[in-house]
Structure formats: structure tokens, C-alpha cells
């Protein structure tokens, strides 16, 4: 198995924990204080200096040690206004639910952040990690 795939497999339990935490604390729209705090804390633990670029929107950079292109990896973080009716141990505790998979998007980007940070010296250029809150609807 490819070494990067082995690393990804080795953090599966961490990613499941991230997803279940985010699923349990689902939030709507542009105001995601619990989600934002969780993501920023995880990034800081990994050695990042995350920046809030709009309400609940987060960007972190990895690389920058060698010149090269910039790549963007993005994850949505908001949920939908649906009350979860399941008996799962990690079911949503709010009146919102990640039926859209954004809890998984965010967990996957946290996983990519962890692996990229471990290989930061190998990156030619930089990778921008963007955690996006919901969209503003214009009526």
C-alpha cells in the first residue's frame, strides 16, 4: 500500500471522531461558533495558525517553504434545518442535521491537514485549507 494511504488509514479513528463530533453539534448557515472553535482548535493542535476570514470561515496554510503553485482544498461545514430522528450515539443534539455530508467534508479536510502538515517540508508551493460556513441566501 502507498505510504500516504497507510497514513490515511492510520488516522481513520481520529476522522470518525471528528465526524461524529461535528454531526452531534450541527449548526446552520453562517454562524457556526461550535464548529469554528472545534476546527480551529484541531488545526492549532496540528501546528497551524488558522485565521477566521469571515464569520465562521477559516483558512490555514501549509507549505510555503519551497516556491511553487498554490492549491486550495475546501470543505463546507454547515448543516440543514432538519431534526434528526435516529438512535445513533452521535445523533445531532441541535435542531439541525448533517444530511448533506458536510460533517464528513470537514472531517476529511482535517485529515488532509494532518497528513499535509506531516509532509510540509516536501510540498513545493503551498496548500490553502478553507473551511467554509453556509452560503448567504439573497432574496
N, C-alpha and C. Protein backbone atom coordinates (compact mmCIF):
# COMPACT_ATOMS: atom_id res chain seq x y z
N UNK A 1 0.84 -1.18 0.00
CA UNK A 1 0.00 0.00 0.00
C UNK A 1 0.88 1.25 0.00
N UNK A 2 0.46 2.25 -0.71
CA UNK A 2 1.16 3.53 -0.77
C UNK A 2 1.33 4.11 0.64
N UNK A 3 2.50 4.70 0.95
CA UNK A 3 2.73 5.23 2.30
C UNK A 3 1.70 6.30 2.73
N UNK A 4 1.28 7.15 1.83
CA UNK A 4 0.29 8.18 2.18
C UNK A 4 -1.05 7.51 2.49
N UNK A 5 -1.41 6.49 1.74
CA UNK A 5 -2.66 5.76 2.02
C UNK A 5 -2.57 5.06 3.37
N UNK A 6 -1.38 4.56 3.71
CA UNK A 6 -1.19 3.95 5.03
C UNK A 6 -1.39 4.99 6.13
N UNK A 7 -0.86 6.19 5.91
CA UNK A 7 -1.06 7.27 6.90
C UNK A 7 -2.54 7.59 7.04
N UNK A 8 -3.23 7.69 5.91
CA UNK A 8 -4.66 7.99 5.94
C UNK A 8 -5.41 6.90 6.70
N UNK A 9 -5.07 5.66 6.45
CA UNK A 9 -5.72 4.55 7.16
C UNK A 9 -5.43 4.60 8.66
N UNK A 10 -4.24 5.04 9.00
CA UNK A 10 -3.84 5.05 10.41
C UNK A 10 -4.58 6.11 11.23
N UNK A 11 -5.16 7.11 10.57
CA UNK A 11 -5.89 8.15 11.30
C UNK A 11 -7.41 8.00 11.15
N UNK A 12 -7.86 6.85 10.68
CA UNK A 12 -9.29 6.63 10.48
C UNK A 12 -10.11 6.88 11.74
N UNK A 13 -9.65 6.39 12.88
CA UNK A 13 -10.40 6.58 14.12
C UNK A 13 -10.51 8.05 14.49
N UNK A 14 -9.46 8.82 14.24
CA UNK A 14 -9.48 10.26 14.50
C UNK A 14 -10.52 10.93 13.61
N UNK A 15 -10.56 10.54 12.34
CA UNK A 15 -11.52 11.13 11.41
C UNK A 15 -12.96 10.78 11.80
N UNK A 16 -13.17 9.56 12.24
CA UNK A 16 -14.50 9.15 12.70
C UNK A 16 -14.90 10.00 13.92
N UNK A 17 -13.95 10.22 14.83
CA UNK A 17 -14.23 11.07 15.99
C UNK A 17 -14.61 12.48 15.55
N UNK A 18 -13.84 13.08 14.62
CA UNK A 18 -14.15 14.42 14.11
C UNK A 18 -15.57 14.45 13.53
N UNK A 19 -15.87 13.48 12.67
CA UNK A 19 -17.18 13.49 12.01
C UNK A 19 -18.30 13.36 13.02
N UNK A 20 -18.14 12.48 13.96
CA UNK A 20 -19.22 12.28 14.94
C UNK A 20 -19.40 13.50 15.83
N UNK A 21 -18.31 14.15 16.20
CA UNK A 21 -18.42 15.38 16.99
C UNK A 21 -19.17 16.44 16.19
N UNK A 22 -18.77 16.64 14.95
CA UNK A 22 -19.41 17.65 14.10
C UNK A 22 -20.87 17.30 13.83
N UNK A 23 -21.15 16.03 13.65
CA UNK A 23 -22.53 15.60 13.41
C UNK A 23 -23.40 15.90 14.64
N UNK A 24 -22.88 15.62 15.80
CA UNK A 24 -23.60 15.84 17.05
C UNK A 24 -23.88 17.32 17.30
N UNK A 25 -22.99 18.20 16.81
CA UNK A 25 -23.10 19.64 17.07
C UNK A 25 -23.42 20.41 15.79
N UNK A 26 -24.29 19.89 14.96
CA UNK A 26 -24.64 20.51 13.68
C UNK A 26 -25.16 21.94 13.87
N UNK A 27 -24.69 22.84 13.00
CA UNK A 27 -25.09 24.25 13.05
C UNK A 27 -25.48 24.73 11.66
N UNK A 28 -26.28 25.79 11.62
CA UNK A 28 -26.83 26.29 10.36
C UNK A 28 -26.16 27.57 9.87
N UNK A 29 -26.08 27.68 8.55
CA UNK A 29 -25.75 28.94 7.90
C UNK A 29 -24.35 29.46 8.12
N UNK A 30 -24.29 30.76 8.40
CA UNK A 30 -23.02 31.46 8.52
C UNK A 30 -22.51 31.54 9.95
N UNK A 31 -23.34 31.20 10.92
CA UNK A 31 -22.97 31.31 12.33
C UNK A 31 -22.75 29.93 12.90
N UNK A 32 -21.49 29.51 12.93
CA UNK A 32 -21.13 28.16 13.35
C UNK A 32 -20.11 28.23 14.50
N UNK A 33 -20.48 28.81 15.64
CA UNK A 33 -19.47 29.02 16.68
C UNK A 33 -18.85 27.74 17.24
N UNK A 34 -19.63 26.70 17.44
CA UNK A 34 -19.10 25.44 17.98
C UNK A 34 -18.20 24.77 16.95
N UNK A 35 -18.67 24.72 15.70
CA UNK A 35 -17.89 24.11 14.62
C UNK A 35 -16.59 24.87 14.40
N UNK A 36 -16.69 26.20 14.33
CA UNK A 36 -15.49 27.04 14.12
C UNK A 36 -14.46 26.80 15.22
N UNK A 37 -14.91 26.81 16.47
CA UNK A 37 -13.99 26.62 17.59
C UNK A 37 -13.33 25.25 17.51
N UNK A 38 -14.12 24.22 17.21
CA UNK A 38 -13.58 22.86 17.12
C UNK A 38 -12.51 22.76 16.02
N UNK A 39 -12.84 23.26 14.84
CA UNK A 39 -11.91 23.17 13.71
C UNK A 39 -10.63 23.96 14.02
N UNK A 40 -10.78 25.16 14.55
CA UNK A 40 -9.59 25.97 14.84
C UNK A 40 -8.72 25.30 15.90
N UNK A 41 -9.33 24.73 16.94
CA UNK A 41 -8.56 24.03 17.97
C UNK A 41 -7.80 22.84 17.39
N UNK A 42 -8.45 22.09 16.52
CA UNK A 42 -7.79 20.93 15.90
C UNK A 42 -6.60 21.39 15.04
N UNK A 43 -6.80 22.45 14.27
CA UNK A 43 -5.71 22.96 13.42
C UNK A 43 -4.54 23.46 14.26
N UNK A 44 -4.81 24.17 15.34
CA UNK A 44 -3.74 24.65 16.22
C UNK A 44 -2.96 23.46 16.80
N UNK A 45 -3.66 22.40 17.22
CA UNK A 45 -3.01 21.20 17.74
C UNK A 45 -2.05 20.60 16.72
N UNK A 46 -2.40 20.75 15.44
CA UNK A 46 -1.56 20.20 14.37
C UNK A 46 -0.38 21.11 14.04
N UNK A 47 -0.36 22.33 14.58
CA UNK A 47 0.74 23.25 14.31
C UNK A 47 0.39 24.36 13.32
N UNK A 48 -0.88 24.50 12.98
CA UNK A 48 -1.31 25.56 12.06
C UNK A 48 -1.59 26.85 12.83
N UNK A 49 -1.66 27.94 12.07
CA UNK A 49 -2.09 29.23 12.58
C UNK A 49 -3.34 29.63 11.79
N UNK A 50 -4.49 29.04 12.13
CA UNK A 50 -5.71 29.31 11.35
C UNK A 50 -6.19 30.74 11.55
N UNK A 51 -6.82 31.26 10.50
CA UNK A 51 -7.37 32.62 10.52
C UNK A 51 -8.85 32.55 10.21
N UNK A 52 -9.63 33.31 10.96
CA UNK A 52 -11.05 33.44 10.64
C UNK A 52 -11.16 34.57 9.62
N UNK A 53 -11.65 34.26 8.42
CA UNK A 53 -11.67 35.23 7.33
C UNK A 53 -13.04 35.86 7.11
N UNK A 54 -14.07 35.28 7.71
CA UNK A 54 -15.42 35.82 7.71
C UNK A 54 -16.11 35.12 8.86
N UNK A 55 -17.32 35.51 9.25
CA UNK A 55 -17.94 34.80 10.37
C UNK A 55 -17.94 33.29 10.14
N UNK A 56 -17.20 32.59 10.96
CA UNK A 56 -17.07 31.13 10.94
C UNK A 56 -16.31 30.56 9.76
N UNK A 57 -15.74 31.38 8.90
CA UNK A 57 -14.92 30.91 7.79
C UNK A 57 -13.46 30.88 8.19
N UNK A 58 -12.80 29.77 7.92
CA UNK A 58 -11.42 29.56 8.39
C UNK A 58 -10.50 29.22 7.22
N UNK A 59 -9.29 29.80 7.27
CA UNK A 59 -8.25 29.45 6.30
C UNK A 59 -6.98 29.15 7.08
N UNK A 60 -6.26 28.13 6.61
CA UNK A 60 -4.94 27.80 7.15
C UNK A 60 -4.04 27.44 5.97
N UNK A 61 -2.76 27.71 6.11
CA UNK A 61 -1.80 27.45 5.03
C UNK A 61 -0.78 26.41 5.49
N UNK A 62 -0.39 25.57 4.54
CA UNK A 62 0.66 24.59 4.78
C UNK A 62 1.59 24.63 3.57
N UNK A 63 2.86 24.46 3.82
CA UNK A 63 3.84 24.56 2.74
C UNK A 63 4.60 25.86 2.90
N UNK A 64 4.70 26.61 1.86
CA UNK A 64 5.35 27.93 1.83
C UNK A 64 6.86 27.88 2.01
N UNK A 65 7.45 26.72 2.22
CA UNK A 65 8.90 26.64 2.43
C UNK A 65 9.66 26.56 1.11
N UNK A 66 8.98 26.06 0.07
CA UNK A 66 9.56 25.97 -1.26
C UNK A 66 8.62 26.70 -2.21
N UNK A 67 9.19 27.37 -3.19
CA UNK A 67 8.33 28.09 -4.13
C UNK A 67 7.57 27.10 -5.01
N UNK A 68 6.44 27.56 -5.50
CA UNK A 68 5.61 26.72 -6.34
C UNK A 68 4.19 27.23 -6.35
N UNK A 69 3.29 26.44 -6.88
CA UNK A 69 1.89 26.84 -7.02
C UNK A 69 1.15 26.75 -5.70
N UNK A 70 0.00 27.40 -5.68
CA UNK A 70 -0.90 27.33 -4.54
C UNK A 70 -2.11 26.50 -4.93
N UNK A 71 -2.45 25.55 -4.09
CA UNK A 71 -3.64 24.72 -4.28
C UNK A 71 -4.61 24.99 -3.14
N UNK A 72 -5.89 24.91 -3.45
CA UNK A 72 -6.92 25.13 -2.45
C UNK A 72 -7.70 23.84 -2.23
N UNK A 73 -7.86 23.47 -0.97
CA UNK A 73 -8.75 22.38 -0.58
C UNK A 73 -9.83 23.01 0.28
N UNK A 74 -11.10 22.70 -0.02
CA UNK A 74 -12.22 23.37 0.65
C UNK A 74 -13.20 22.35 1.19
N UNK A 75 -13.79 22.69 2.34
CA UNK A 75 -14.84 21.86 2.92
C UNK A 75 -15.97 22.76 3.41
N UNK A 76 -17.20 22.35 3.13
CA UNK A 76 -18.37 23.01 3.70
C UNK A 76 -18.54 22.53 5.13
N UNK A 77 -19.12 23.37 6.00
CA UNK A 77 -19.28 22.98 7.40
C UNK A 77 -20.71 23.07 7.92
N UNK A 78 -21.61 23.69 7.19
CA UNK A 78 -22.96 23.92 7.71
C UNK A 78 -23.85 22.70 7.53
N UNK A 79 -24.96 22.70 8.28
CA UNK A 79 -25.93 21.61 8.24
C UNK A 79 -27.25 22.11 7.65
N UNK A 80 -28.24 21.27 7.69
CA UNK A 80 -29.58 21.62 7.18
C UNK A 80 -30.55 21.67 8.35
N UNK A 81 -31.62 22.48 8.23
CA UNK A 81 -32.59 22.61 9.33
C UNK A 81 -33.55 21.42 9.41
N UNK A 82 -33.00 20.27 9.78
CA UNK A 82 -33.77 19.03 9.87
C UNK A 82 -33.50 18.41 11.24
N UNK A 83 -34.54 18.05 11.95
CA UNK A 83 -34.39 17.39 13.25
C UNK A 83 -34.09 15.91 13.02
N UNK A 84 -33.00 15.43 13.57
CA UNK A 84 -32.62 14.03 13.39
C UNK A 84 -33.47 13.12 14.27
N UNK A 85 -33.97 12.08 13.66
CA UNK A 85 -34.80 11.11 14.37
C UNK A 85 -34.14 9.73 14.32
N UNK A 86 -32.98 9.64 14.93
CA UNK A 86 -32.29 8.35 14.97
C UNK A 86 -31.90 8.05 16.41
N UNK A 87 -31.43 6.86 16.63
CA UNK A 87 -30.96 6.47 17.96
C UNK A 87 -29.44 6.30 17.99
N UNK A 88 -28.76 6.89 17.01
CA UNK A 88 -27.31 6.78 16.97
C UNK A 88 -26.71 7.48 18.19
N UNK A 89 -25.60 6.94 18.68
CA UNK A 89 -24.95 7.55 19.85
C UNK A 89 -24.44 8.96 19.54
N UNK A 90 -24.22 9.27 18.28
CA UNK A 90 -23.71 10.59 17.89
C UNK A 90 -24.75 11.42 17.15
N UNK A 91 -26.04 11.13 17.38
CA UNK A 91 -27.08 11.88 16.68
C UNK A 91 -27.03 13.36 17.06
N UNK A 92 -27.51 14.18 16.18
CA UNK A 92 -27.47 15.61 16.39
C UNK A 92 -28.20 16.02 17.66
N UNK A 93 -27.57 16.91 18.43
CA UNK A 93 -28.16 17.44 19.65
C UNK A 93 -28.82 18.79 19.40
N UNK A 94 -28.85 19.21 18.14
CA UNK A 94 -29.41 20.51 17.78
C UNK A 94 -30.63 20.28 16.89
N UNK A 95 -31.25 21.34 16.46
CA UNK A 95 -32.36 21.25 15.51
C UNK A 95 -31.86 21.32 14.08
N UNK A 96 -30.65 20.85 13.87
CA UNK A 96 -30.03 20.80 12.55
C UNK A 96 -29.38 19.43 12.39
N UNK A 97 -29.10 19.07 11.14
CA UNK A 97 -28.54 17.75 10.87
C UNK A 97 -27.65 17.80 9.64
N UNK A 98 -26.59 17.03 9.67
CA UNK A 98 -25.68 16.93 8.53
C UNK A 98 -26.16 15.85 7.56
N UNK A 99 -27.33 16.02 7.00
CA UNK A 99 -27.82 15.08 5.98
C UNK A 99 -27.10 15.31 4.66
N UNK A 100 -26.39 16.41 4.57
CA UNK A 100 -25.71 16.81 3.34
C UNK A 100 -24.27 16.31 3.28
N UNK A 101 -23.75 15.77 4.36
CA UNK A 101 -22.39 15.23 4.37
C UNK A 101 -21.32 16.24 4.70
N UNK A 102 -21.70 17.45 5.11
CA UNK A 102 -20.68 18.46 5.40
C UNK A 102 -19.85 18.11 6.64
N UNK A 103 -20.40 17.30 7.55
CA UNK A 103 -19.60 16.82 8.67
C UNK A 103 -18.46 15.94 8.15
N UNK A 104 -18.76 15.16 7.14
CA UNK A 104 -17.74 14.31 6.53
C UNK A 104 -16.72 15.15 5.76
N UNK A 105 -17.20 16.17 5.02
CA UNK A 105 -16.27 17.06 4.29
C UNK A 105 -15.26 17.67 5.26
N UNK A 106 -15.77 18.20 6.36
CA UNK A 106 -14.91 18.87 7.33
C UNK A 106 -13.93 17.89 7.97
N UNK A 107 -14.40 16.71 8.33
CA UNK A 107 -13.52 15.69 8.91
C UNK A 107 -12.42 15.29 7.92
N UNK A 108 -12.80 15.13 6.65
CA UNK A 108 -11.80 14.75 5.64
C UNK A 108 -10.76 15.84 5.46
N UNK A 109 -11.18 17.11 5.50
CA UNK A 109 -10.20 18.18 5.34
C UNK A 109 -9.29 18.28 6.57
N UNK A 110 -9.83 18.01 7.74
CA UNK A 110 -8.96 17.94 8.93
C UNK A 110 -7.95 16.80 8.78
N UNK A 111 -8.36 15.69 8.21
CA UNK A 111 -7.44 14.59 7.96
C UNK A 111 -6.37 14.95 6.96
N UNK A 112 -6.78 15.62 5.88
CA UNK A 112 -5.80 16.08 4.88
C UNK A 112 -4.83 17.06 5.52
N UNK A 113 -5.34 17.94 6.38
CA UNK A 113 -4.49 18.92 7.07
C UNK A 113 -3.43 18.21 7.91
N UNK A 114 -3.83 17.15 8.60
CA UNK A 114 -2.89 16.41 9.44
C UNK A 114 -1.79 15.76 8.60
N UNK A 115 -2.18 15.14 7.51
CA UNK A 115 -1.18 14.47 6.65
C UNK A 115 -0.29 15.50 5.96
N UNK A 116 -0.89 16.57 5.44
CA UNK A 116 -0.09 17.60 4.77
C UNK A 116 0.92 18.23 5.74
N UNK A 117 0.51 18.48 6.97
CA UNK A 117 1.42 19.07 7.96
C UNK A 117 2.60 18.14 8.21
N UNK A 118 2.35 16.85 8.24
CA UNK A 118 3.42 15.88 8.45
C UNK A 118 4.41 15.85 7.29
N UNK A 119 3.97 16.31 6.12
CA UNK A 119 4.82 16.30 4.92
C UNK A 119 5.12 17.71 4.42
N UNK A 120 5.00 18.68 5.30
CA UNK A 120 5.13 20.08 4.90
C UNK A 120 6.44 20.38 4.19
N UNK A 121 7.54 19.79 4.63
CA UNK A 121 8.84 20.06 4.02
C UNK A 121 8.94 19.54 2.59
N UNK A 122 8.06 18.64 2.20
CA UNK A 122 8.08 18.07 0.85
C UNK A 122 7.23 18.86 -0.14
N UNK A 123 6.41 19.78 0.34
CA UNK A 123 5.47 20.49 -0.52
C UNK A 123 6.18 21.60 -1.28
N UNK A 124 6.05 21.57 -2.59
CA UNK A 124 6.57 22.65 -3.43
C UNK A 124 5.42 23.61 -3.66
N UNK A 125 5.49 24.78 -3.04
CA UNK A 125 4.39 25.74 -3.09
C UNK A 125 3.66 25.69 -1.77
N UNK A 126 2.35 25.89 -1.83
CA UNK A 126 1.56 25.86 -0.61
C UNK A 126 0.17 25.30 -0.88
N UNK A 127 -0.45 24.83 0.17
CA UNK A 127 -1.83 24.36 0.09
C UNK A 127 -2.62 25.23 1.06
N UNK A 128 -3.68 25.81 0.55
CA UNK A 128 -4.58 26.62 1.36
C UNK A 128 -5.77 25.74 1.73
N UNK A 129 -6.04 25.66 3.01
CA UNK A 129 -7.16 24.87 3.52
C UNK A 129 -8.27 25.85 3.90
N UNK A 130 -9.44 25.69 3.30
CA UNK A 130 -10.55 26.60 3.56
C UNK A 130 -11.74 25.83 4.10
N UNK A 131 -12.18 26.23 5.26
CA UNK A 131 -13.36 25.66 5.90
C UNK A 131 -14.46 26.69 5.77
N UNK A 132 -15.46 26.37 4.98
CA UNK A 132 -16.48 27.34 4.58
C UNK A 132 -17.79 27.15 5.34
N UNK A 133 -18.31 28.26 5.92
CA UNK A 133 -19.64 28.18 6.51
C UNK A 133 -20.69 28.13 5.41
N UNK A 134 -21.95 28.25 5.77
CA UNK A 134 -23.02 28.20 4.78
C UNK A 134 -23.00 29.38 3.81
N UNK A 135 -23.86 29.27 2.85
CA UNK A 135 -23.99 30.34 1.86
C UNK A 135 -25.01 31.36 2.35
N UNK A 136 -24.79 32.59 1.99
CA UNK A 136 -25.77 33.64 2.29
C UNK A 136 -26.81 33.60 1.21
N UNK A 137 -28.07 33.50 1.59
CA UNK A 137 -29.10 33.48 0.55
C UNK A 137 -29.59 34.90 0.31
N UNK A 138 -29.70 35.23 -0.94
CA UNK A 138 -30.15 36.57 -1.34
C UNK A 138 -31.59 36.42 -1.84
N UNK A 139 -32.47 37.19 -1.27
CA UNK A 139 -33.89 37.09 -1.67
C UNK A 139 -34.33 38.35 -2.33
